[in-house]
Amino acid sequence: MTSYIIRRILWIVPVLLVVSLVTFSLMHLVPGGPWDREKNLAPAVVENLNRKYNLDKPVWEQYLLFAWNASHGDLGISYTSQDKNVSEIILRGFPITATLGLVALAFALVVGLGLGVLSALRQNSWLDYVSLFFATLGASTPNFVAAIVLIIVFAVGLHLLKTGGWGSPEQIIMPAVALGFTPAAFLTRITRASLLEALGQDYVRTARAKGLSEQIVLVRHILKNALIPVATILGPLAAQLVTGSFIIENVFSIPGIGRIFVQGIGARDYALIMGAVLFYALIVALANLAVDLFYAVSDPRIRYT
């Protein structure tokens, strides 16, 4: 197991290299540059800025400089955030984004797993139909639409929650629910399907034939096996939620990484774009590793050698 973990961690390095190379190439193929303004800067100013940020060098040399500095923990200086280091900007926004993502993940887990289990155990009942309706509605509703509906109902109509900012519970509830709405619906469908499949297995009938109580059969035999497919999608889903949503953070004016990343794209802030993309890729890679390790813990048939 230890050698497997070390091998997987080492594989993250080439993954980050490929991600950085693709992002860097696409970023420089997009028309425009970081110094494009409504009022053009003087040529001498642009030349000095290009020299300061190494933009006067060939593209391949710019990438090699970035890769070398990034390997030493230096993601560069932001072009638009008053010469602040990109690492500092990301670390400042990450706690906010992570808090929003964790609250949204908790909402998705409680609602999705709860409805999925109840729907499977009460198949073809009114509760099952309500759960399927919720799953269909959530899967077909973009999170920005859910955000707008929540704002209209709870902020404009009922005046219960705030529409922007960060810090108080009133400012966290709506963006967390909007962000976790679609994942909750997806988890509902996956949990229901996985649980229905597990209910028909031979080992469940054997456990019941032994006289075990329904609660023990459900917890020890059904859920433990049924949640393995759920764990497969839970890792990338958790990484997606924890790293934040670009749209939700912009709709609710939340100063997290997602909003900073969108602002960086609009300003062609190459250093900020590269730093945020690499940070997202690292989180996703670590989440996938955590899922694989969870397999070995939850299913004794799986061993990594």
Foldseek 3Di string as FASTA:
>chain_A
DVVVLVVLVVVLVVVLVVLLVVLLVVLVVDPDALQDDPDHDDPVVVVVVCVVQVVVDDSVVSSVVCVVCVVVVFLAFWPPPPRHGLVVLQVVQLVLLQVLLVLLLVVLCCLQLVLQVVLQVVPPDPSVVVLLVQLVVLQPDQLVNQLVVCCVPCCVNVNNADQADDDDPSLRVSLSCSLNSNSSSVSSVLLNVLLNVQCPDPVLVVCVVVVDDPVCSCPVRRCLRSCLVVLQVSLQSSLDRSLHDLSSCVRRVYSHLSVVLVVCSVSSRVSNVSVSSSVSSVSSSVSNVVSLVVCVVSDVVDDDD
